[in-house]
PDB file of N, CA and C in Angstrom:
ATOM      1  N   MET A   1      21.984  -3.945  41.510  1.00  0.00           N
ATOM      2  CA  MET A   1      22.184  -3.065  41.575  1.00  0.00           C
ATOM      3  C   MET A   1      22.637  -2.902  39.913  1.00  0.00           C
ATOM      4  N   LYS A   2      23.553  -3.962  39.796  1.00  0.00           N
ATOM      5  CA  LYS A   2      23.749  -4.076  38.753  1.00  0.00           C
ATOM      6  C   LYS A   2      23.096  -5.225  37.703  1.00  0.00           C
ATOM      7  N   LYS A   3      22.058  -5.878  38.157  1.00  0.00           N
ATOM      8  CA  LYS A   3      20.770  -6.548  37.880  1.00  0.00           C
ATOM      9  C   LYS A   3      20.144  -5.291  37.077  1.00  0.00           C
ATOM     10  N   LYS A   4      19.706  -4.369  37.535  1.00  0.00           N
ATOM     11  CA  LYS A   4      18.403  -3.585  37.785  1.00  0.00           C
ATOM     12  C   LYS A   4      19.377  -2.825  36.849  1.00  0.00           C
ATOM     13  N   PHE A   5      20.148  -2.022  36.039  1.00  0.00           N
ATOM     14  CA  PHE A   5      21.110  -1.747  34.969  1.00  0.00           C
ATOM     15  C   PHE A   5      20.952  -2.790  33.933  1.00  0.00           C
ATOM     16  N   PHE A   6      20.855  -3.875  33.931  1.00  0.00           N
ATOM     17  CA  PHE A   6      21.286  -4.087  33.051  1.00  0.00           C
ATOM     18  C   PHE A   6      20.024  -4.872  32.452  1.00  0.00           C
ATOM     19  N   THR A   7      18.688  -4.695  33.472  1.00  0.00           N
ATOM     20  CA  THR A   7      17.007  -5.042  32.924  1.00  0.00           C
ATOM     21  C   THR A   7      16.474  -3.900  31.920  1.00  0.00           C
ATOM     22  N   LEU A   8      17.053  -2.266  32.877  1.00  0.00           N
ATOM     23  CA  LEU A   8      17.504  -1.482  31.704  1.00  0.00           C
ATOM     24  C   LEU A   8      17.632  -1.280  30.544  1.00  0.00           C
ATOM     25  N   ALA A   9      18.761  -1.647  30.682  1.00  0.00           N
ATOM     26  CA  ALA A   9      19.703  -1.561  29.279  1.00  0.00           C
ATOM     27  C   ALA A   9      19.280  -2.683  28.188  1.00  0.00           C
ATOM     28  N   VAL A  10      18.136  -3.665  28.694  1.00  0.00           N
ATOM     29  CA  VAL A  10      17.757  -4.645  28.154  1.00  0.00           C
ATOM     30  C   VAL A  10      15.860  -4.350  27.392  1.00  0.00           C
ATOM     31  N   ALA A  11      16.026  -3.151  28.169  1.00  0.00           N
ATOM     32  CA  ALA A  11      14.715  -2.811  27.989  1.00  0.00           C
ATOM     33  C   ALA A  11      15.141  -1.711  26.631  1.00  0.00           C
ATOM     34  N   ILE A  12      16.066  -0.404  27.005  1.00  0.00           N
ATOM     35  CA  ILE A  12      16.409   0.263  25.842  1.00  0.00           C
ATOM     36  C   ILE A  12      16.398  -0.114  24.627  1.00  0.00           C
ATOM     37  N   MET A  13      17.528  -1.463  24.954  1.00  0.00           N
ATOM     38  CA  MET A  13      17.428  -1.467  23.447  1.00  0.00           C
ATOM     39  C   MET A  13      16.294  -2.574  22.770  1.00  0.00           C
ATOM     40  N   LEU A  14      15.459  -3.261  23.437  1.00  0.00           N
ATOM     41  CA  LEU A  14      14.225  -4.189  22.742  1.00  0.00           C
ATOM     42  C   LEU A  14      13.049  -2.424  22.198  1.00  0.00           C
ATOM     43  N   PHE A  15      13.459  -1.395  23.064  1.00  0.00           N
ATOM     44  CA  PHE A  15      12.106  -0.511  22.082  1.00  0.00           C
ATOM     45  C   PHE A  15      12.701  -0.027  20.972  1.00  0.00           C
ATOM     46  N   ALA A  16      13.982   0.663  21.386  1.00  0.00           N
ATOM     47  CA  ALA A  16      14.524   0.981  19.541  1.00  0.00           C
ATOM     48  C   ALA A  16      15.393   0.515  18.742  1.00  0.00           C
ATOM     49  N   ALA A  17      14.623  -1.105  19.128  1.00  0.00           N
ATOM     50  CA  ALA A  17      14.350  -2.112  17.564  1.00  0.00           C
ATOM     51  C   ALA A  17      12.993  -1.380  17.034  1.00  0.00           C
ATOM     52  N   LEU A  18      12.293  -1.401  18.465  1.00  0.00           N
ATOM     53  CA  LEU A  18      10.870  -2.321  18.006  1.00  0.00           C
ATOM     54  C   LEU A  18      10.620  -0.340  16.845  1.00  0.00           C
ATOM     55  N   GLY A  19      10.911   0.770  17.411  1.00  0.00           N
ATOM     56  CA  GLY A  19      11.036   1.472  16.913  1.00  0.00           C
ATOM     57  C   GLY A  19      11.887   1.555  15.173  1.00  0.00           C
ATOM     58  N   MET A  20      12.650   0.922  14.986  1.00  0.00           N
ATOM     59  CA  MET A  20      13.305   0.588  14.014  1.00  0.00           C
ATOM     60  C   MET A  20      12.868   0.144  12.988  1.00  0.00           C
ATOM     61  N   ALA A  21      12.064  -0.730  13.452  1.00  0.00           N
ATOM     62  CA  ALA A  21      11.541  -1.817  12.002  1.00  0.00           C
ATOM     63  C   ALA A  21       9.479  -1.479  11.768  1.00  0.00           C
ATOM     64  N   GLN A  22       9.479  -0.439  12.443  1.00  0.00           N
ATOM     65  CA  GLN A  22       8.278   0.233  11.826  1.00  0.00           C
ATOM     66  C   GLN A  22       8.689   1.058  10.940  1.00  0.00           C
ATOM     67  N   GLY A  23       8.194   0.903   9.960  1.00  0.00           N
ATOM     68  CA  GLY A  23       7.664   2.899   8.470  1.00  0.00           C
ATOM     69  C   GLY A  23       7.793   3.426   9.008  1.00  0.00           C
ATOM     70  N   PRO A  24       7.272   4.942   8.472  1.00  0.00           N
ATOM     71  CA  PRO A  24       6.554   5.643   8.666  1.00  0.00           C
ATOM     72  C   PRO A  24       4.836   5.218   9.004  1.00  0.00           C
ATOM     73  N   LYS A  25       4.692   6.475  10.649  1.00  0.00           N
ATOM     74  CA  LYS A  25       3.774   6.504  10.792  1.00  0.00           C
ATOM     75  C   LYS A  25       3.569   5.200  11.503  1.00  0.00           C
ATOM     76  N   GLY A  26       4.250   4.306  12.071  1.00  0.00           N
ATOM     77  CA  GLY A  26       3.719   3.254  12.465  1.00  0.00           C
ATOM     78  C   GLY A  26       3.456   2.136  11.840  1.00  0.00           C
ATOM     79  N   GLY A  27       3.279   2.494  10.618  1.00  0.00           N
ATOM     80  CA  GLY A  27       3.515   1.265   9.017  1.00  0.00           C
ATOM     81  C   GLY A  27       4.360   0.155   9.690  1.00  0.00           C
ATOM     82  N   PRO A  28       4.075  -1.062   8.251  1.00  0.00           N
ATOM     83  CA  PRO A  28       5.379  -1.914   8.413  1.00  0.00           C
ATOM     84  C   PRO A  28       6.593  -1.476   7.596  1.00  0.00           C
ATOM     85  N   GLY A  29       7.605  -1.985   8.362  1.00  0.00           N
ATOM     86  CA  GLY A  29       8.752  -1.350   7.658  1.00  0.00           C
ATOM     87  C   GLY A  29       8.702  -2.078   6.545  1.00  0.00           C
ATOM     88  N   LYS A  30      10.438  -2.185   6.145  1.00  0.00           N
ATOM     89  CA  LYS A  30      10.908  -2.862   4.925  1.00  0.00           C
ATOM     90  C   LYS A  30      10.791  -3.980   5.114  1.00  0.00           C
ATOM     91  N   GLY A  31      10.582  -4.885   6.636  1.00  0.00           N
ATOM     92  CA  GLY A  31      10.924  -6.147   6.606  1.00  0.00           C
ATOM     93  C   GLY A  31       9.777  -6.588   6.898  1.00  0.00           C
ATOM     94  N   GLY A  32       8.592  -5.317   6.863  1.00  0.00           N
ATOM     95  CA  GLY A  32       7.237  -6.354   6.944  1.00  0.00           C
ATOM     96  C   GLY A  32       6.426  -6.052   5.367  1.00  0.00           C
ATOM     97  N   GLN A  33       5.509  -5.714   6.028  1.00  0.00           N
ATOM     98  CA  GLN A  33       4.128  -5.315   3.880  1.00  0.00           C
ATOM     99  C   GLN A  33       4.842  -5.005   3.026  1.00  0.00           C
ATOM    100  N   LYS A  34       4.388  -5.349   1.359  1.00  0.00           N
ATOM    101  CA  LYS A  34       5.449  -4.790   0.884  1.00  0.00           C
ATOM    102  C   LYS A  34       4.851  -3.400   0.285  1.00  0.00           C
ATOM    103  N   GLN A  35       5.163  -2.762  -0.180  1.00  0.00           N
ATOM    104  CA  GLN A  35       4.590  -1.540  -0.590  1.00  0.00           C
ATOM    105  C   GLN A  35       3.933  -1.306  -1.539  1.00  0.00           C
ATOM    106  N   GLN A  36       3.330  -1.018  -2.006  1.00  0.00           N
ATOM    107  CA  GLN A  36       1.930  -0.917  -3.134  1.00  0.00           C
ATOM    108  C   GLN A  36       2.576   1.078  -3.484  1.00  0.00           C
ATOM    109  N   PRO A  37       3.262   0.328  -4.369  1.00  0.00           N
ATOM    110  CA  PRO A  37       4.141   1.637  -5.054  1.00  0.00           C
ATOM    111  C   PRO A  37       3.136   2.801  -5.743  1.00  0.00           C
ATOM    112  N   GLY A  38       3.000   3.744  -5.541  1.00  0.00           N
ATOM    113  CA  GLY A  38       2.192   5.454  -6.047  1.00  0.00           C
ATOM    114  C   GLY A  38       2.165   4.893  -7.902  1.00  0.00           C
ATOM    115  N   ILE A  39       0.882   5.863  -7.663  1.00  0.00           N
ATOM    116  CA  ILE A  39      -0.267   5.617  -9.168  1.00  0.00           C
ATOM    117  C   ILE A  39       1.062   6.648  -9.979  1.00  0.00           C
ATOM    118  N   GLU A  40       1.910   7.222  -9.597  1.00  0.00           N
ATOM    119  CA  GLU A  40       2.949   8.511 -10.681  1.00  0.00           C
ATOM    120  C   GLU A  40       4.431   7.048 -11.127  1.00  0.00           C
ATOM    121  N   GLN A  41       4.376   6.205  -9.915  1.00  0.00           N
ATOM    122  CA  GLN A  41       5.634   5.582  -9.777  1.00  0.00           C
ATOM    123  C   GLN A  41       5.459   4.540 -11.197  1.00  0.00           C
ATOM    124  N   MET A  42       3.539   3.854 -10.599  1.00  0.00           N
ATOM    125  CA  MET A  42       2.964   2.413 -11.429  1.00  0.00           C
ATOM    126  C   MET A  42       2.800   2.693 -13.528  1.00  0.00           C
ATOM    127  N   ILE A  43       2.653   4.936 -13.170  1.00  0.00           N
ATOM    128  CA  ILE A  43       2.765   4.637 -14.367  1.00  0.00           C
ATOM    129  C   ILE A  43       3.604   5.331 -15.751  1.00  0.00           C
ATOM    130  N   ARG A  44       4.883   5.417 -14.900  1.00  0.00           N
ATOM    131  CA  ARG A  44       6.607   5.312 -14.839  1.00  0.00           C
ATOM    132  C   ARG A  44       6.932   3.836 -16.037  1.00  0.00           C
ATOM    133  N   GLU A  45       7.023   3.331 -14.925  1.00  0.00           N
ATOM    134  CA  GLU A  45       7.010   1.627 -15.077  1.00  0.00           C
ATOM    135  C   GLU A  45       6.445   0.756 -15.938  1.00  0.00           C
ATOM    136  N   LEU A  46       5.166   0.728 -15.934  1.00  0.00           N
ATOM    137  CA  LEU A  46       4.770   0.351 -17.002  1.00  0.00           C
ATOM    138  C   LEU A  46       3.823   1.632 -18.600  1.00  0.00           C
ATOM    139  N   GLU A  47       4.973   2.579 -17.944  1.00  0.00           N
ATOM    140  CA  GLU A  47       5.583   3.481 -19.997  1.00  0.00           C
ATOM    141  C   GLU A  47       3.345   3.307 -20.603  1.00  0.00           C
ATOM    142  N   LEU A  48       2.823   3.910 -20.002  1.00  0.00           N
ATOM    143  CA  LEU A  48       1.555   4.320 -20.505  1.00  0.00           C
ATOM    144  C   LEU A  48       1.336   5.258 -21.535  1.00  0.00           C
ATOM    145  N   ASP A  49       0.363   5.458 -21.958  1.00  0.00           N
ATOM    146  CA  ASP A  49       0.469   6.518 -22.908  1.00  0.00           C
ATOM    147  C   ASP A  49      -0.485   7.685 -22.224  1.00  0.00           C
ATOM    148  N   LYS A  50      -0.184   8.612 -22.960  1.00  0.00           N
ATOM    149  CA  LYS A  50      -1.712   9.979 -22.259  1.00  0.00           C
ATOM    150  C   LYS A  50      -3.083   8.509 -22.291  1.00  0.00           C
ATOM    151  N   SER A  51      -3.333   8.232 -23.332  1.00  0.00           N
ATOM    152  CA  SER A  51      -4.918   7.401 -23.181  1.00  0.00           C
ATOM    153  C   SER A  51      -5.015   6.520 -22.558  1.00  0.00           C
ATOM    154  N   GLN A  52      -4.113   5.536 -21.960  1.00  0.00           N
ATOM    155  CA  GLN A  52      -4.019   4.586 -21.406  1.00  0.00           C
ATOM    156  C   GLN A  52      -3.345   5.210 -19.974  1.00  0.00           C
ATOM    157  N   GLU A  53      -2.781   6.083 -19.700  1.00  0.00           N
ATOM    158  CA  GLU A  53      -2.444   7.136 -18.301  1.00  0.00           C
ATOM    159  C   GLU A  53      -4.125   7.424 -17.520  1.00  0.00           C
ATOM    160  N   ILE A  54      -4.874   7.931 -18.559  1.00  0.00           N
ATOM    161  CA  ILE A  54      -6.275   8.562 -17.641  1.00  0.00           C
ATOM    162  C   ILE A  54      -6.961   7.476 -17.606  1.00  0.00           C
ATOM    163  N   LYS A  55      -7.063   6.740 -17.945  1.00  0.00           N
ATOM    164  CA  LYS A  55      -7.769   5.249 -18.505  1.00  0.00           C
ATOM    165  C   LYS A  55      -7.652   5.241 -16.659  1.00  0.00           C
ATOM    166  N   PHE A  56      -6.268   4.470 -16.505  1.00  0.00           N
ATOM    167  CA  PHE A  56      -5.385   4.357 -14.947  1.00  0.00           C
ATOM    168  C   PHE A  56      -5.905   4.877 -14.280  1.00  0.00           C
ATOM    169  N   ARG A  57      -6.025   6.291 -14.075  1.00  0.00           N
ATOM    170  CA  ARG A  57      -5.841   6.810 -12.727  1.00  0.00           C
ATOM    171  C   ARG A  57      -7.762   6.805 -12.957  1.00  0.00           C
ATOM    172  N   ASP A  58      -8.265   6.973 -13.356  1.00  0.00           N
ATOM    173  CA  ASP A  58      -9.201   6.735 -13.037  1.00  0.00           C
ATOM    174  C   ASP A  58      -9.949   5.612 -11.908  1.00  0.00           C
ATOM    175  N   ALA A  59      -9.423   3.897 -12.813  1.00  0.00           N
ATOM    176  CA  ALA A  59     -10.152   3.012 -12.206  1.00  0.00           C
ATOM    177  C   ALA A  59      -8.964   2.839 -10.229  1.00  0.00           C
ATOM    178  N   MET A  60      -8.279   3.771 -11.072  1.00  0.00           N
ATOM    179  CA  MET A  60      -7.641   3.597  -9.773  1.00  0.00           C
ATOM    180  C   MET A  60      -7.401   4.238  -8.535  1.00  0.00           C
ATOM    181  N   LYS A  61      -8.659   5.394  -8.863  1.00  0.00           N
ATOM    182  CA  LYS A  61      -8.780   6.535  -7.566  1.00  0.00           C
ATOM    183  C   LYS A  61     -10.392   5.431  -6.860  1.00  0.00           C
ATOM    184  N   GLU A  62     -10.814   4.473  -7.967  1.00  0.00           N
ATOM    185  CA  GLU A  62     -11.903   4.052  -6.735  1.00  0.00           C
ATOM    186  C   GLU A  62     -11.108   2.641  -5.969  1.00  0.00           C
ATOM    187  N   LEU A  63      -9.837   2.686  -6.256  1.00  0.00           N
ATOM    188  CA  LEU A  63      -8.750   1.747  -4.824  1.00  0.00           C
ATOM    189  C   LEU A  63      -9.520   2.609  -3.213  1.00  0.00           C
ATOM    190  N   GLU A  64      -8.905   4.307  -3.220  1.00  0.00           N
ATOM    191  CA  GLU A  64      -8.835   5.015  -2.599  1.00  0.00           C
ATOM    192  C   GLU A  64      -9.555   4.758  -1.323  1.00  0.00           C
ATOM    193  N   PRO A  65      -9.611   4.283   0.089  1.00  0.00           N
ATOM    194  CA  PRO A  65     -10.743   4.642   1.055  1.00  0.00           C
ATOM    195  C   PRO A  65     -11.703   5.789   0.928  1.00  0.00           C
ATOM    196  N   ASN A  66     -12.963   5.244   1.502  1.00  0.00           N
ATOM    197  CA  ASN A  66     -13.753   6.603   1.527  1.00  0.00           C
ATOM    198  C   ASN A  66     -13.968   7.039   2.850  1.00  0.00           C
ATOM    199  N   ARG A  67     -13.878   8.575   2.506  1.00  0.00           N
ATOM    200  CA  ARG A  67     -13.587  10.536   3.536  1.00  0.00           C
ATOM    201  C   ARG A  67     -15.011  10.331   3.052  1.00  0.00           C
ATOM    202  N   GLY A  68     -15.594  10.237   4.276  1.00  0.00           N
ATOM    203  CA  GLY A  68     -16.557  10.459   4.467  1.00  0.00           C
ATOM    204  C   GLY A  68     -16.937  10.768   6.275  1.00  0.00           C
ATOM    205  N   LYS A  69     -17.349  11.713   6.967  1.00  0.00           N
ATOM    206  CA  LYS A  69     -17.359  12.147   7.766  1.00  0.00           C
ATOM    207  C   LYS A  69     -17.144  11.828   9.996  1.00  0.00           C
ATOM    208  N   GLY A  70     -17.024  10.404   8.763  1.00  0.00           N
ATOM    209  CA  GLY A  70     -16.835   9.878   9.674  1.00  0.00           C
ATOM    210  C   GLY A  70     -14.760   9.947  10.309  1.00  0.00           C
ATOM    211  N   GLY A  71     -14.207  10.214   9.224  1.00  0.00           N
ATOM    212  CA  GLY A  71     -12.698  10.476   9.443  1.00  0.00           C
ATOM    213  C   GLY A  71     -12.251   9.785   7.769  1.00  0.00           C
ATOM    214  N   PRO A  72     -10.813  10.016   7.920  1.00  0.00           N
ATOM    215  CA  PRO A  72     -10.127   9.887   7.103  1.00  0.00           C
ATOM    216  C   PRO A  72     -10.758   8.332   6.372  1.00  0.00           C
ATOM    217  N   GLN A  73     -11.568   7.806   7.196  1.00  0.00           N
ATOM    218  CA  GLN A  73     -11.628   6.276   6.354  1.00  0.00           C
ATOM    219  C   GLN A  73     -13.018   5.805   6.498  1.00  0.00           C
ATOM    220  N   ASP A  74     -13.811   5.062   5.847  1.00  0.00           N
ATOM    221  CA  ASP A  74     -15.348   4.922   6.153  1.00  0.00           C
ATOM    222  C   ASP A  74     -15.154   3.547   7.525  1.00  0.00           C
ATOM    223  N   LYS A  75     -15.897   4.129   9.062  1.00  0.00           N
ATOM    224  CA  LYS A  75     -15.873   2.971   9.536  1.00  0.00           C
ATOM    225  C   LYS A  75     -17.055   1.825   9.103  1.00  0.00           C
ATOM    226  N   LYS A  76     -17.350   1.883   8.387  1.00  0.00           N
ATOM    227  CA  LYS A  76     -17.956   0.951   7.836  1.00  0.00           C
ATOM    228  C   LYS A  76     -17.743  -0.978   6.487  1.00  0.00           C
ATOM    229  N   SER A  77     -16.197  -0.038   5.849  1.00  0.00           N
ATOM    230  CA  SER A  77     -15.850  -0.342   5.084  1.00  0.00           C
ATOM    231  C   SER A  77     -15.489  -1.608   5.558  1.00  0.00           C
ATOM    232  N   LYS A  78     -15.448  -3.202   5.234  1.00  0.00           N
ATOM    233  CA  LYS A  78     -14.566  -3.710   5.316  1.00  0.00           C
ATOM    234  C   LYS A  78     -13.421  -5.354   4.514  1.00  0.00           C
ATOM    235  N   PRO A  79     -12.898  -5.507   5.202  1.00  0.00           N
ATOM    236  CA  PRO A  79     -11.610  -5.762   3.915  1.00  0.00           C
ATOM    237  C   PRO A  79     -12.071  -7.085   2.778  1.00  0.00           C
ATOM    238  N   GLU A  80     -13.871  -7.372   1.983  1.00  0.00           N
ATOM    239  CA  GLU A  80     -14.024  -8.358   2.180  1.00  0.00           C
ATOM    240  C   GLU A  80     -14.851  -6.732   1.065  1.00  0.00           C
ATOM    241  N   ASP A  81     -14.967  -5.687   1.226  1.00  0.00           N
ATOM    242  CA  ASP A  81     -15.645  -4.552   0.693  1.00  0.00           C
ATOM    243  C   ASP A  81     -14.030  -4.320  -0.733  1.00  0.00           C
ATOM    244  N   MET A  82     -13.175  -4.370   0.413  1.00  0.00           N
ATOM    245  CA  MET A  82     -11.857  -3.546  -0.351  1.00  0.00           C
ATOM    246  C   MET A  82     -11.625  -4.979  -1.485  1.00  0.00           C
ATOM    247  N   LYS A  83     -11.260  -6.498  -1.684  1.00  0.00           N
ATOM    248  CA  LYS A  83     -11.566  -7.572  -1.967  1.00  0.00           C
ATOM    249  C   LYS A  83     -11.752  -6.705  -3.011  1.00  0.00           C
ATOM    250  N   GLU A  84     -13.189  -6.302  -3.459  1.00  0.00           N
ATOM    251  CA  GLU A  84     -14.535  -6.697  -4.381  1.00  0.00           C
ATOM    252  C   GLU A  84     -13.637  -5.406  -5.225  1.00  0.00           C
ATOM    253  N   LYS A  85     -14.068  -4.448  -4.036  1.00  0.00           N
ATOM    254  CA  LYS A  85     -12.781  -2.712  -5.227  1.00  0.00           C
ATOM    255  C   LYS A  85     -12.030  -3.986  -6.236  1.00  0.00           C
ATOM    256  N   ARG A  86     -10.607  -4.560  -5.602  1.00  0.00           N
ATOM    257  CA  ARG A  86      -9.582  -4.494  -6.290  1.00  0.00           C
ATOM    258  C   ARG A  86      -9.896  -5.904  -7.363  1.00  0.00           C
ATOM    259  N   LYS A  87     -10.975  -6.667  -6.958  1.00  0.00           N
ATOM    260  CA  LYS A  87     -11.237  -7.219  -8.012  1.00  0.00           C
ATOM    261  C   LYS A  87     -11.897  -6.743  -9.288  1.00  0.00           C
ATOM    262  N   THR A  88     -11.944  -5.262  -9.530  1.00  0.00           N
ATOM    263  CA  THR A  88     -13.465  -4.804 -10.315  1.00  0.00           C
ATOM    264  C   THR A  88     -12.205  -3.963 -10.809  1.00  0.00           C
ATOM    265  N   VAL A  89     -11.741  -2.523 -10.008  1.00  0.00           N
ATOM    266  CA  VAL A  89     -10.339  -2.167 -10.824  1.00  0.00           C
ATOM    267  C   VAL A  89      -9.299  -3.083 -11.212  1.00  0.00           C
ATOM    268  N   ASP A  90      -8.930  -4.068 -10.906  1.00  0.00           N
ATOM    269  CA  ASP A  90      -8.146  -5.636 -11.789  1.00  0.00           C
ATOM    270  C   ASP A  90      -8.712  -5.736 -12.996  1.00  0.00           C
ATOM    271  N   LYS A  91     -10.260  -6.486 -12.585  1.00  0.00           N
ATOM    272  CA  LYS A  91     -11.108  -6.875 -15.033  1.00  0.00           C
ATOM    273  C   LYS A  91     -10.872  -4.951 -15.026  1.00  0.00           C
ATOM    274  N   LYS A  92     -11.255  -3.185 -14.922  1.00  0.00           N
ATOM    275  CA  LYS A  92     -10.763  -2.803 -16.094  1.00  0.00           C
ATOM    276  C   LYS A  92      -9.228  -2.930 -16.523  1.00  0.00           C
ATOM    277  N   VAL A  93      -7.823  -2.094 -14.686  1.00  0.00           N
ATOM    278  CA  VAL A  93      -7.553  -2.208 -15.961  1.00  0.00           C
ATOM    279  C   VAL A  93      -6.569  -3.385 -17.011  1.00  0.00           C
ATOM    280  N   LYS A  94      -7.592  -4.499 -16.290  1.00  0.00           N
ATOM    281  CA  LYS A  94      -7.325  -5.733 -17.524  1.00  0.00           C
ATOM    282  C   LYS A  94      -7.190  -4.812 -19.235  1.00  0.00           C
ATOM    283  N   LYS A  95      -8.402  -4.432 -19.279  1.00  0.00           N
ATOM    284  CA  LYS A  95      -9.198  -3.606 -19.904  1.00  0.00           C
ATOM    285  C   LYS A  95      -7.769  -2.198 -21.031  1.00  0.00           C
ATOM    286  N   ILE A  96      -7.622  -1.739 -20.096  1.00  0.00           N
ATOM    287  CA  ILE A  96      -6.750  -0.962 -19.982  1.00  0.00           C
ATOM    288  C   ILE A  96      -5.495  -0.889 -20.631  1.00  0.00           C
ATOM    289  N   LEU A  97      -5.102  -2.063 -20.606  1.00  0.00           N
ATOM    290  CA  LEU A  97      -3.048  -2.366 -19.895  1.00  0.00           C
ATOM    291  C   LEU A  97      -3.600  -3.053 -21.385  1.00  0.00           C
ATOM    292  N   THR A  98      -1.954  -4.054 -21.838  1.00  0.00           N
ATOM    293  CA  THR A  98      -1.439  -4.451 -22.879  1.00  0.00           C
ATOM    294  C   THR A  98      -1.554  -5.648 -21.963  1.00  0.00           C
ATOM    295  N   LYS A  99      -0.908  -7.089 -22.806  1.00  0.00           N
ATOM    296  CA  LYS A  99      -1.157  -7.827 -22.125  1.00  0.00           C
ATOM    297  C   LYS A  99       0.690  -7.351 -20.931  1.00  0.00           C
ATOM    298  N   LYS A 100       1.120  -7.274 -21.929  1.00  0.00           N
ATOM    299  CA  LYS A 100       2.720  -6.603 -21.533  1.00  0.00           C
ATOM    300  C   LYS A 100       3.252  -5.736 -20.715  1.00  0.00           C
ATOM    301  N   GLN A 101       2.043  -4.781 -19.984  1.00  0.00           N
ATOM    302  CA  GLN A 101       1.480  -3.902 -18.722  1.00  0.00           C
ATOM    303  C   GLN A 101       1.398  -4.730 -18.193  1.00  0.00           C
ATOM    304  N   TYR A 102       0.163  -4.794 -18.537  1.00  0.00           N
ATOM    305  CA  TYR A 102      -0.869  -6.616 -16.875  1.00  0.00           C
ATOM    306  C   TYR A 102      -0.115  -6.770 -16.035  1.00  0.00           C
ATOM    307  N   LYS A 103       1.025  -7.881 -17.222  1.00  0.00           N
ATOM    308  CA  LYS A 103       1.612  -8.670 -16.332  1.00  0.00           C
ATOM    309  C   LYS A 103       3.134  -8.055 -15.467  1.00  0.00           C
ATOM    310  N   LYS A 104       3.478  -6.849 -15.809  1.00  0.00           N
ATOM    311  CA  LYS A 104       4.148  -6.289 -14.677  1.00  0.00           C
ATOM    312  C   LYS A 104       3.555  -5.352 -14.021  1.00  0.00           C
ATOM    313  N   TYR A 105       2.070  -4.607 -14.125  1.00  0.00           N
ATOM    314  CA  TYR A 105       1.487  -4.128 -13.349  1.00  0.00           C
ATOM    315  C   TYR A 105       1.005  -5.511 -11.790  1.00  0.00           C
ATOM    316  N   GLN A 106       0.536  -6.170 -12.452  1.00  0.00           N
ATOM    317  CA  GLN A 106       0.327  -7.708 -11.251  1.00  0.00           C
ATOM    318  C   GLN A 106       2.165  -7.410 -10.230  1.00  0.00           C
ATOM    319  N   GLU A 107       3.075  -7.477 -10.936  1.00  0.00           N
ATOM    320  CA  GLU A 107       4.151  -7.676 -10.257  1.00  0.00           C
ATOM    321  C   GLU A 107       4.938  -6.655  -9.509  1.00  0.00           C
ATOM    322  N   LEU A 108       3.686  -5.327  -9.240  1.00  0.00           N
ATOM    323  CA  LEU A 108       3.615  -4.149  -9.410  1.00  0.00           C
ATOM    324  C   LEU A 108       2.662  -4.243  -7.378  1.00  0.00           C
ATOM    325  N   MET A 109       1.729  -4.655  -7.714  1.00  0.00           N
ATOM    326  CA  MET A 109       0.717  -4.313  -6.705  1.00  0.00           C
ATOM    327  C   MET A 109       1.663  -5.785  -6.169  1.00  0.00           C
ATOM    328  N   PRO A 110       0.853  -5.445  -4.468  1.00  0.00           N
ATOM    329  CA  PRO A 110       1.090  -6.375  -4.454  1.00  0.00           C
ATOM    330  C   PRO A 110      -0.025  -7.544  -3.517  1.00  0.00           C
TER     331      PRO A 110
END
């Protein structure tokens, strides 16, 4: 009886630990992947002027997942496609920002 109780207690603690390790909606928690900051936060931290802000928002919209008929994210999108999008957006962002801002942008992005 004591052995069953001990096993049950250990199982409950393991499930509790797993639940606490995950972030919102089952994603990575604090110890997982670095979370990408929001556009608003990036605009504040990079100290963009109005002209830069408009161009930066337009460039960052390209990184949003495709929202087609198949649901929240297009099932045809692949990690390679996202890498290509990221490279394209990085080139555009580099043209928008100053050297100092671009360096900080690279530090902010995962």
